[in-house]
Amino acid sequence: VQALVEADHYDGPSFVVAYAPCIQQQVRPEGLNDMFDECRFAVESGYWPLYRYNPELVAAGKNPFILDSKRLRRDVTSFLQREGRFLNLEKNHPQIAEELHQQMNLDVKHRMEQMQKRAADHKSFSSQDEATVKVLFASETGTAEGLAREFADACQLS
């Protein structure tokens, strides 16, 4: 909710990306009947970390990156095992599934460590040469390209 409030109050472009499971993920045991628990499980396992970036904090000399999910509370494998698509991989290719689970756990832990460092450190940029934003996109129809170019144009240091 805080991210939505900050995005709404920001005088400039803002966007919010949220996790929302779908029926094709075959969420178990309750299916999509318990979206709140599924989303909470995704956050607690590190599958979907919660963080915000508020550029207005830079003017106050504060770190604009805020990590709301401070630590991992569950193993990401336990999250993956709630979804039929991953259970099918485990059933049909157990060795591959185990290797992927181990790698994902390492990747999630590494990502969390990096996010914790980013939340603890803050560097102000004094010139445009020091601050860069790389916008990547893929597009079959050109819609994503247009949106990416608009976003990149809006990411100018003032």
N, C-alpha and C. Protein backbone atom coordinates (compact mmCIF):
# COMPACT_ATOMS: atom_id res chain seq x y z
N VAL A 1 0.84 -1.18 0.00
CA VAL A 1 0.00 0.00 0.00
C VAL A 1 0.89 1.25 0.00
N GLN A 2 1.98 1.20 0.77
CA GLN A 2 2.89 2.35 0.83
C GLN A 2 3.44 2.68 -0.56
N ALA A 3 3.77 1.65 -1.34
CA ALA A 3 4.28 1.88 -2.69
C ALA A 3 3.25 2.58 -3.57
N LEU A 4 2.00 2.19 -3.43
CA LEU A 4 0.93 2.83 -4.20
C LEU A 4 0.75 4.28 -3.80
N VAL A 5 0.79 4.55 -2.50
CA VAL A 5 0.65 5.93 -2.01
C VAL A 5 1.80 6.79 -2.53
N GLU A 6 3.04 6.28 -2.42
CA GLU A 6 4.20 7.05 -2.88
C GLU A 6 4.14 7.28 -4.39
N ALA A 7 3.74 6.26 -5.14
CA ALA A 7 3.64 6.40 -6.59
C ALA A 7 2.59 7.44 -6.97
N ASP A 8 1.49 7.45 -6.24
CA ASP A 8 0.43 8.41 -6.51
C ASP A 8 0.86 9.84 -6.20
N HIS A 9 1.63 10.03 -5.13
CA HIS A 9 2.04 11.37 -4.73
C HIS A 9 3.24 11.90 -5.50
N TYR A 10 3.97 11.03 -6.17
CA TYR A 10 5.17 11.48 -6.88
C TYR A 10 4.79 12.32 -8.10
N ASP A 11 5.42 13.48 -8.23
CA ASP A 11 5.14 14.38 -9.35
C ASP A 11 6.05 14.00 -10.52
N GLY A 12 5.67 12.99 -11.23
CA GLY A 12 6.46 12.48 -12.35
C GLY A 12 6.01 11.07 -12.66
N PRO A 13 6.71 10.43 -13.59
CA PRO A 13 6.31 9.07 -13.94
C PRO A 13 6.59 8.11 -12.79
N SER A 14 5.69 7.20 -12.56
CA SER A 14 5.88 6.19 -11.53
C SER A 14 5.17 4.92 -11.97
N PHE A 15 5.67 3.80 -11.49
CA PHE A 15 5.00 2.54 -11.78
C PHE A 15 5.19 1.59 -10.61
N VAL A 16 4.24 0.67 -10.49
CA VAL A 16 4.26 -0.32 -9.44
C VAL A 16 4.13 -1.69 -10.10
N VAL A 17 4.99 -2.61 -9.74
CA VAL A 17 4.94 -3.97 -10.25
C VAL A 17 4.55 -4.86 -9.08
N ALA A 18 3.52 -5.64 -9.25
CA ALA A 18 3.02 -6.48 -8.16
C ALA A 18 2.98 -7.94 -8.57
N TYR A 19 3.08 -8.82 -7.60
CA TYR A 19 3.00 -10.26 -7.85
C TYR A 19 1.54 -10.68 -7.79
N ALA A 20 1.11 -11.40 -8.79
CA ALA A 20 -0.26 -11.92 -8.80
C ALA A 20 -0.25 -13.28 -9.48
N PRO A 21 -0.43 -14.36 -8.72
CA PRO A 21 -0.43 -15.68 -9.32
C PRO A 21 -1.65 -15.87 -10.23
N CYS A 22 -1.50 -16.79 -11.17
CA CYS A 22 -2.61 -17.07 -12.09
C CYS A 22 -2.95 -18.55 -12.04
N ILE A 23 -4.04 -18.91 -12.64
CA ILE A 23 -4.56 -20.28 -12.60
C ILE A 23 -3.57 -21.27 -13.21
N GLN A 24 -2.80 -20.84 -14.20
CA GLN A 24 -1.87 -21.75 -14.86
C GLN A 24 -0.70 -22.15 -13.97
N GLN A 25 -0.49 -21.45 -12.88
CA GLN A 25 0.57 -21.82 -11.96
C GLN A 25 0.17 -23.02 -11.10
N GLN A 26 -1.09 -23.38 -11.14
CA GLN A 26 -1.62 -24.52 -10.39
C GLN A 26 -1.22 -24.44 -8.91
N VAL A 27 -1.56 -23.33 -8.28
CA VAL A 27 -1.20 -23.08 -6.89
C VAL A 27 -1.91 -24.09 -5.98
N ARG A 28 -1.14 -24.67 -5.05
CA ARG A 28 -1.67 -25.66 -4.11
C ARG A 28 -1.42 -25.18 -2.69
N PRO A 29 -2.11 -25.55 -1.71
CA PRO A 29 -3.22 -26.49 -1.73
C PRO A 29 -4.57 -25.85 -2.01
N GLU A 30 -4.68 -24.53 -1.86
CA GLU A 30 -5.98 -23.86 -1.96
C GLU A 30 -6.28 -23.28 -3.33
N GLY A 31 -5.37 -23.40 -4.27
CA GLY A 31 -5.58 -22.78 -5.57
C GLY A 31 -5.56 -21.27 -5.41
N LEU A 32 -6.33 -20.58 -6.20
CA LEU A 32 -6.36 -19.12 -6.13
C LEU A 32 -7.34 -18.61 -5.09
N ASN A 33 -7.87 -19.51 -4.27
CA ASN A 33 -8.81 -19.11 -3.22
C ASN A 33 -8.12 -18.34 -2.10
N ASP A 34 -6.81 -18.47 -1.99
CA ASP A 34 -6.10 -17.79 -0.93
C ASP A 34 -4.92 -17.01 -1.48
N MET A 35 -5.22 -16.00 -2.24
CA MET A 35 -4.19 -15.17 -2.89
C MET A 35 -3.29 -14.50 -1.86
N PHE A 36 -3.84 -14.08 -0.75
CA PHE A 36 -3.04 -13.39 0.26
C PHE A 36 -1.91 -14.29 0.77
N ASP A 37 -2.26 -15.54 1.12
CA ASP A 37 -1.22 -16.47 1.60
C ASP A 37 -0.18 -16.75 0.52
N GLU A 38 -0.62 -16.89 -0.70
CA GLU A 38 0.31 -17.17 -1.79
C GLU A 38 1.29 -16.00 -1.98
N CYS A 39 0.77 -14.80 -1.96
CA CYS A 39 1.63 -13.62 -2.10
C CYS A 39 2.57 -13.48 -0.90
N ARG A 40 2.07 -13.72 0.30
CA ARG A 40 2.91 -13.65 1.49
C ARG A 40 4.02 -14.70 1.42
N PHE A 41 3.69 -15.90 0.96
CA PHE A 41 4.67 -16.97 0.83
C PHE A 41 5.74 -16.57 -0.19
N ALA A 42 5.34 -15.94 -1.29
CA ALA A 42 6.29 -15.50 -2.31
C ALA A 42 7.28 -14.48 -1.74
N VAL A 43 6.78 -13.58 -0.91
CA VAL A 43 7.64 -12.56 -0.29
C VAL A 43 8.55 -13.19 0.76
N GLU A 44 8.00 -14.02 1.63
CA GLU A 44 8.79 -14.61 2.71
C GLU A 44 9.89 -15.54 2.20
N SER A 45 9.69 -16.12 1.02
CA SER A 45 10.70 -17.03 0.47
C SER A 45 11.73 -16.30 -0.37
N GLY A 46 11.49 -15.03 -0.66
CA GLY A 46 12.40 -14.28 -1.50
C GLY A 46 12.10 -14.41 -2.98
N TYR A 47 11.08 -15.18 -3.32
CA TYR A 47 10.68 -15.32 -4.73
C TYR A 47 10.27 -13.96 -5.28
N TRP A 48 9.59 -13.18 -4.43
CA TRP A 48 9.13 -11.84 -4.82
C TRP A 48 9.47 -10.85 -3.70
N PRO A 49 10.65 -10.25 -3.74
CA PRO A 49 11.02 -9.31 -2.68
C PRO A 49 10.20 -8.02 -2.76
N LEU A 50 9.94 -7.43 -1.61
CA LEU A 50 9.22 -6.16 -1.55
C LEU A 50 10.22 -5.03 -1.34
N TYR A 51 10.22 -4.10 -2.26
CA TYR A 51 11.08 -2.93 -2.13
C TYR A 51 10.44 -1.76 -2.86
N ARG A 52 10.90 -0.57 -2.50
CA ARG A 52 10.40 0.66 -3.13
C ARG A 52 11.58 1.54 -3.49
N TYR A 53 11.37 2.40 -4.44
CA TYR A 53 12.37 3.40 -4.79
C TYR A 53 11.63 4.73 -4.86
N ASN A 54 11.98 5.63 -3.95
CA ASN A 54 11.32 6.93 -3.88
C ASN A 54 12.35 8.02 -4.16
N PRO A 55 12.39 8.55 -5.38
CA PRO A 55 13.39 9.55 -5.74
C PRO A 55 13.29 10.84 -4.93
N GLU A 56 12.15 11.11 -4.30
CA GLU A 56 12.01 12.32 -3.49
C GLU A 56 12.91 12.27 -2.26
N LEU A 57 13.32 11.10 -1.83
CA LEU A 57 14.19 10.97 -0.66
C LEU A 57 15.61 11.45 -0.94
N VAL A 58 16.01 11.48 -2.20
CA VAL A 58 17.36 11.93 -2.57
C VAL A 58 17.56 13.38 -2.15
N ALA A 59 16.56 14.22 -2.39
CA ALA A 59 16.66 15.64 -2.03
C ALA A 59 16.85 15.83 -0.53
N ALA A 60 16.36 14.89 0.26
CA ALA A 60 16.52 14.96 1.72
C ALA A 60 17.82 14.29 2.17
N GLY A 61 18.62 13.82 1.20
CA GLY A 61 19.88 13.16 1.53
C GLY A 61 19.70 11.74 2.04
N LYS A 62 18.54 11.17 1.78
CA LYS A 62 18.25 9.81 2.25
C LYS A 62 18.35 8.82 1.09
N ASN A 63 18.50 7.57 1.45
CA ASN A 63 18.56 6.51 0.45
C ASN A 63 17.17 6.33 -0.17
N PRO A 64 17.04 6.45 -1.49
CA PRO A 64 15.73 6.30 -2.12
C PRO A 64 15.29 4.84 -2.24
N PHE A 65 16.21 3.89 -2.01
CA PHE A 65 15.89 2.46 -2.09
C PHE A 65 15.50 1.95 -0.71
N ILE A 66 14.28 1.46 -0.59
CA ILE A 66 13.77 0.96 0.69
C ILE A 66 13.41 -0.51 0.51
N LEU A 67 14.07 -1.36 1.27
CA LEU A 67 13.79 -2.79 1.24
C LEU A 67 12.79 -3.12 2.33
N ASP A 68 11.57 -3.47 1.94
CA ASP A 68 10.53 -3.77 2.92
C ASP A 68 10.59 -5.22 3.41
N SER A 69 11.03 -6.14 2.57
CA SER A 69 11.21 -7.53 3.03
C SER A 69 12.66 -7.67 3.47
N LYS A 70 12.88 -7.50 4.76
CA LYS A 70 14.22 -7.37 5.34
C LYS A 70 15.03 -8.66 5.32
N ARG A 71 14.36 -9.80 5.44
CA ARG A 71 15.10 -11.07 5.47
C ARG A 71 14.24 -12.19 4.92
N LEU A 72 14.91 -13.28 4.55
CA LEU A 72 14.20 -14.46 4.06
C LEU A 72 13.65 -15.23 5.26
N ARG A 73 12.40 -15.58 5.20
CA ARG A 73 11.78 -16.31 6.30
C ARG A 73 11.54 -17.78 5.93
N ARG A 74 11.60 -18.09 4.65
CA ARG A 74 11.36 -19.45 4.17
C ARG A 74 12.33 -19.75 3.04
N ASP A 75 12.45 -21.02 2.74
CA ASP A 75 13.26 -21.48 1.62
C ASP A 75 12.45 -21.33 0.35
N VAL A 76 13.06 -20.85 -0.72
CA VAL A 76 12.32 -20.63 -1.96
C VAL A 76 11.80 -21.96 -2.52
N THR A 77 12.49 -23.06 -2.24
CA THR A 77 12.03 -24.37 -2.71
C THR A 77 10.65 -24.69 -2.14
N SER A 78 10.42 -24.34 -0.89
CA SER A 78 9.10 -24.60 -0.29
C SER A 78 8.01 -23.80 -1.00
N PHE A 79 8.36 -22.63 -1.50
CA PHE A 79 7.39 -21.85 -2.28
C PHE A 79 7.12 -22.53 -3.62
N LEU A 80 8.20 -22.95 -4.29
CA LEU A 80 8.05 -23.57 -5.61
C LEU A 80 7.23 -24.85 -5.54
N GLN A 81 7.32 -25.57 -4.42
CA GLN A 81 6.61 -26.82 -4.29
C GLN A 81 5.12 -26.63 -4.04
N ARG A 82 4.67 -25.40 -3.97
CA ARG A 82 3.24 -25.11 -3.84
C ARG A 82 2.57 -25.01 -5.21
N GLU A 83 3.37 -25.04 -6.28
CA GLU A 83 2.82 -24.85 -7.62
C GLU A 83 2.97 -26.11 -8.45
N GLY A 84 1.88 -26.49 -9.09
CA GLY A 84 1.85 -27.71 -9.89
C GLY A 84 2.89 -27.73 -11.00
N ARG A 85 3.16 -26.59 -11.60
CA ARG A 85 4.14 -26.57 -12.69
C ARG A 85 5.51 -27.01 -12.22
N PHE A 86 5.88 -26.67 -10.98
CA PHE A 86 7.18 -27.09 -10.46
C PHE A 86 7.11 -28.52 -9.93
N LEU A 87 5.96 -28.92 -9.40
CA LEU A 87 5.80 -30.30 -8.94
C LEU A 87 5.90 -31.27 -10.11
N ASN A 88 5.38 -30.87 -11.26
CA ASN A 88 5.48 -31.72 -12.45
C ASN A 88 6.93 -31.91 -12.87
N LEU A 89 7.72 -30.87 -12.78
CA LEU A 89 9.14 -30.98 -13.10
C LEU A 89 9.82 -31.94 -12.13
N GLU A 90 9.48 -31.82 -10.84
CA GLU A 90 10.04 -32.71 -9.82
C GLU A 90 9.67 -34.16 -10.09
N LYS A 91 8.44 -34.37 -10.49
CA LYS A 91 7.94 -35.72 -10.74
C LYS A 91 8.60 -36.33 -11.98
N ASN A 92 8.70 -35.55 -13.05
CA ASN A 92 9.20 -36.07 -14.32
C ASN A 92 10.72 -36.04 -14.45
N HIS A 93 11.37 -35.09 -13.79
CA HIS A 93 12.82 -34.93 -13.89
C HIS A 93 13.38 -34.53 -12.53
N PRO A 94 13.39 -35.46 -11.57
CA PRO A 94 13.78 -35.11 -10.20
C PRO A 94 15.20 -34.56 -10.07
N GLN A 95 16.13 -35.08 -10.82
CA GLN A 95 17.52 -34.60 -10.71
C GLN A 95 17.64 -33.17 -11.21
N ILE A 96 17.01 -32.88 -12.33
CA ILE A 96 17.04 -31.52 -12.87
C ILE A 96 16.34 -30.57 -11.90
N ALA A 97 15.20 -30.99 -11.36
CA ALA A 97 14.46 -30.15 -10.41
C ALA A 97 15.32 -29.84 -9.19
N GLU A 98 16.01 -30.83 -8.66
CA GLU A 98 16.86 -30.62 -7.49
C GLU A 98 17.98 -29.62 -7.79
N GLU A 99 18.61 -29.77 -8.95
CA GLU A 99 19.68 -28.84 -9.33
C GLU A 99 19.14 -27.42 -9.47
N LEU A 100 17.98 -27.29 -10.09
CA LEU A 100 17.38 -25.96 -10.27
C LEU A 100 16.96 -25.36 -8.93
N HIS A 101 16.43 -26.17 -8.03
CA HIS A 101 16.04 -25.68 -6.71
C HIS A 101 17.26 -25.17 -5.94
N GLN A 102 18.34 -25.94 -5.98
CA GLN A 102 19.57 -25.51 -5.29
C GLN A 102 20.08 -24.19 -5.87
N GLN A 103 20.09 -24.08 -7.20
CA GLN A 103 20.58 -22.86 -7.83
C GLN A 103 19.66 -21.68 -7.52
N MET A 104 18.37 -21.92 -7.51
CA MET A 104 17.43 -20.83 -7.22
C MET A 104 17.60 -20.35 -5.79
N ASN A 105 17.79 -21.28 -4.84
CA ASN A 105 18.03 -20.88 -3.45
C ASN A 105 19.27 -20.01 -3.34
N LEU A 106 20.34 -20.40 -4.04
CA LEU A 106 21.56 -19.59 -4.02
C LEU A 106 21.32 -18.22 -4.64
N ASP A 107 20.62 -18.20 -5.78
CA ASP A 107 20.34 -16.93 -6.47
C ASP A 107 19.49 -16.00 -5.61
N VAL A 108 18.46 -16.54 -4.95
CA VAL A 108 17.58 -15.73 -4.11
C VAL A 108 18.36 -15.16 -2.93
N LYS A 109 19.20 -15.99 -2.31
CA LYS A 109 20.01 -15.51 -1.18
C LYS A 109 20.97 -14.41 -1.62
N HIS A 110 21.60 -14.61 -2.79
CA HIS A 110 22.52 -13.60 -3.32
C HIS A 110 21.77 -12.29 -3.62
N ARG A 111 20.60 -12.41 -4.25
CA ARG A 111 19.81 -11.21 -4.56
C ARG A 111 19.43 -10.47 -3.28
N MET A 112 19.03 -11.21 -2.24
CA MET A 112 18.66 -10.57 -0.98
C MET A 112 19.86 -9.86 -0.37
N GLU A 113 21.03 -10.48 -0.41
CA GLU A 113 22.24 -9.84 0.12
C GLU A 113 22.53 -8.54 -0.63
N GLN A 114 22.38 -8.56 -1.94
CA GLN A 114 22.62 -7.36 -2.75
C GLN A 114 21.60 -6.27 -2.42
N MET A 115 20.35 -6.66 -2.24
CA MET A 115 19.32 -5.68 -1.91
C MET A 115 19.54 -5.10 -0.52
N GLN A 116 19.99 -5.92 0.42
CA GLN A 116 20.28 -5.42 1.76
C GLN A 116 21.43 -4.42 1.72
N LYS A 117 22.44 -4.69 0.92
CA LYS A 117 23.55 -3.74 0.76
C LYS A 117 23.06 -2.44 0.14
N ARG A 118 22.23 -2.54 -0.87
CA ARG A 118 21.70 -1.35 -1.54
C ARG A 118 20.86 -0.52 -0.58
N ALA A 119 20.11 -1.20 0.28
CA ALA A 119 19.27 -0.49 1.25
C ALA A 119 20.12 0.18 2.33
N ALA A 120 21.29 -0.41 2.63
CA ALA A 120 22.16 0.15 3.67
C ALA A 120 23.05 1.27 3.15
N ASP A 121 23.40 1.23 1.89
CA ASP A 121 24.30 2.23 1.31
C ASP A 121 23.51 3.25 0.50
N HIS A 122 24.10 4.41 0.38
CA HIS A 122 23.48 5.44 -0.45
C HIS A 122 24.56 6.31 -1.06
N LYS A 123 24.47 6.51 -2.35
CA LYS A 123 25.42 7.37 -3.04
C LYS A 123 24.63 8.42 -3.81
N SER A 124 24.94 9.65 -3.57
CA SER A 124 24.31 10.73 -4.34
C SER A 124 25.13 10.97 -5.60
N PHE A 125 24.46 11.25 -6.67
CA PHE A 125 25.13 11.56 -7.93
C PHE A 125 25.15 13.06 -8.11
N SER A 126 26.33 13.59 -8.37
CA SER A 126 26.45 15.04 -8.52
C SER A 126 26.37 15.48 -9.98
N SER A 127 26.51 14.54 -10.89
CA SER A 127 26.41 14.90 -12.31
C SER A 127 25.71 13.78 -13.07
N GLN A 128 25.21 14.11 -14.24
CA GLN A 128 24.49 13.14 -15.04
C GLN A 128 25.42 12.03 -15.51
N ASP A 129 26.71 12.32 -15.65
CA ASP A 129 27.66 11.29 -16.08
C ASP A 129 27.79 10.17 -15.06
N GLU A 130 27.53 10.46 -13.80
CA GLU A 130 27.66 9.46 -12.75
C GLU A 130 26.44 8.56 -12.65
N ALA A 131 25.29 9.03 -13.07
CA ALA A 131 24.05 8.29 -12.91
C ALA A 131 23.54 7.84 -14.28
N THR A 132 23.39 6.56 -14.45
CA THR A 132 22.85 6.05 -15.71
C THR A 132 21.72 5.08 -15.43
N VAL A 133 20.78 5.03 -16.33
CA VAL A 133 19.69 4.08 -16.27
C VAL A 133 19.70 3.33 -17.59
N LYS A 134 19.76 2.01 -17.51
CA LYS A 134 19.70 1.19 -18.71
C LYS A 134 18.30 0.61 -18.79
N VAL A 135 17.62 0.86 -19.88
CA VAL A 135 16.27 0.36 -20.07
C VAL A 135 16.33 -0.72 -21.14
N LEU A 136 15.98 -1.93 -20.75
CA LEU A 136 15.96 -3.06 -21.67
C LEU A 136 14.52 -3.40 -22.00
N PHE A 137 14.28 -3.86 -23.20
CA PHE A 137 12.92 -4.22 -23.59
C PHE A 137 12.97 -5.25 -24.71
N ALA A 138 11.87 -5.93 -24.89
CA ALA A 138 11.68 -6.83 -26.01
C ALA A 138 10.29 -6.54 -26.55
N SER A 139 10.16 -6.53 -27.85
CA SER A 139 8.88 -6.14 -28.42
C SER A 139 8.68 -6.79 -29.78
N GLU A 140 7.51 -7.37 -29.97
CA GLU A 140 7.16 -7.89 -31.29
C GLU A 140 6.37 -6.86 -32.08
N THR A 141 5.61 -6.04 -31.35
CA THR A 141 4.72 -5.10 -32.02
C THR A 141 5.21 -3.65 -31.97
N GLY A 142 6.22 -3.40 -31.13
CA GLY A 142 6.73 -2.04 -31.00
C GLY A 142 6.15 -1.30 -29.81
N THR A 143 5.13 -1.86 -29.16
CA THR A 143 4.51 -1.20 -28.02
C THR A 143 5.50 -1.07 -26.86
N ALA A 144 6.19 -2.16 -26.54
CA ALA A 144 7.16 -2.11 -25.43
C ALA A 144 8.31 -1.16 -25.76
N GLU A 145 8.71 -1.12 -27.01
CA GLU A 145 9.79 -0.21 -27.40
C GLU A 145 9.38 1.24 -27.17
N GLY A 146 8.19 1.59 -27.58
CA GLY A 146 7.71 2.96 -27.38
C GLY A 146 7.63 3.32 -25.91
N LEU A 147 7.10 2.41 -25.11
CA LEU A 147 7.00 2.65 -23.68
C LEU A 147 8.38 2.76 -23.04
N ALA A 148 9.31 1.90 -23.46
CA ALA A 148 10.67 1.94 -22.92
C ALA A 148 11.35 3.26 -23.27
N ARG A 149 11.14 3.74 -24.49
CA ARG A 149 11.75 5.03 -24.87
C ARG A 149 11.15 6.19 -24.09
N GLU A 150 9.83 6.16 -23.86
CA GLU A 150 9.19 7.20 -23.06
C GLU A 150 9.72 7.18 -21.63
N PHE A 151 9.87 5.98 -21.08
CA PHE A 151 10.39 5.85 -19.72
C PHE A 151 11.83 6.35 -19.65
N ALA A 152 12.64 5.97 -20.61
CA ALA A 152 14.05 6.41 -20.62
C ALA A 152 14.13 7.93 -20.74
N ASP A 153 13.28 8.52 -21.54
CA ASP A 153 13.28 9.99 -21.66
C ASP A 153 12.89 10.66 -20.35
N ALA A 154 12.01 9.99 -19.60
CA ALA A 154 11.54 10.57 -18.32
C ALA A 154 12.58 10.41 -17.22
N CYS A 155 13.56 9.56 -17.41
CA CYS A 155 14.59 9.30 -16.39
C CYS A 155 15.76 10.25 -16.56
N GLN A 156 15.51 11.50 -16.59
CA GLN A 156 16.57 12.50 -16.70
C GLN A 156 16.81 13.14 -15.35
N LEU A 157 18.09 13.36 -15.04
CA LEU A 157 18.41 14.08 -13.81
C LEU A 157 17.97 15.53 -13.94
N SER A 158 17.33 16.02 -12.91
CA SER A 158 16.90 17.43 -12.98
C SER A 158 17.86 18.33 -12.27
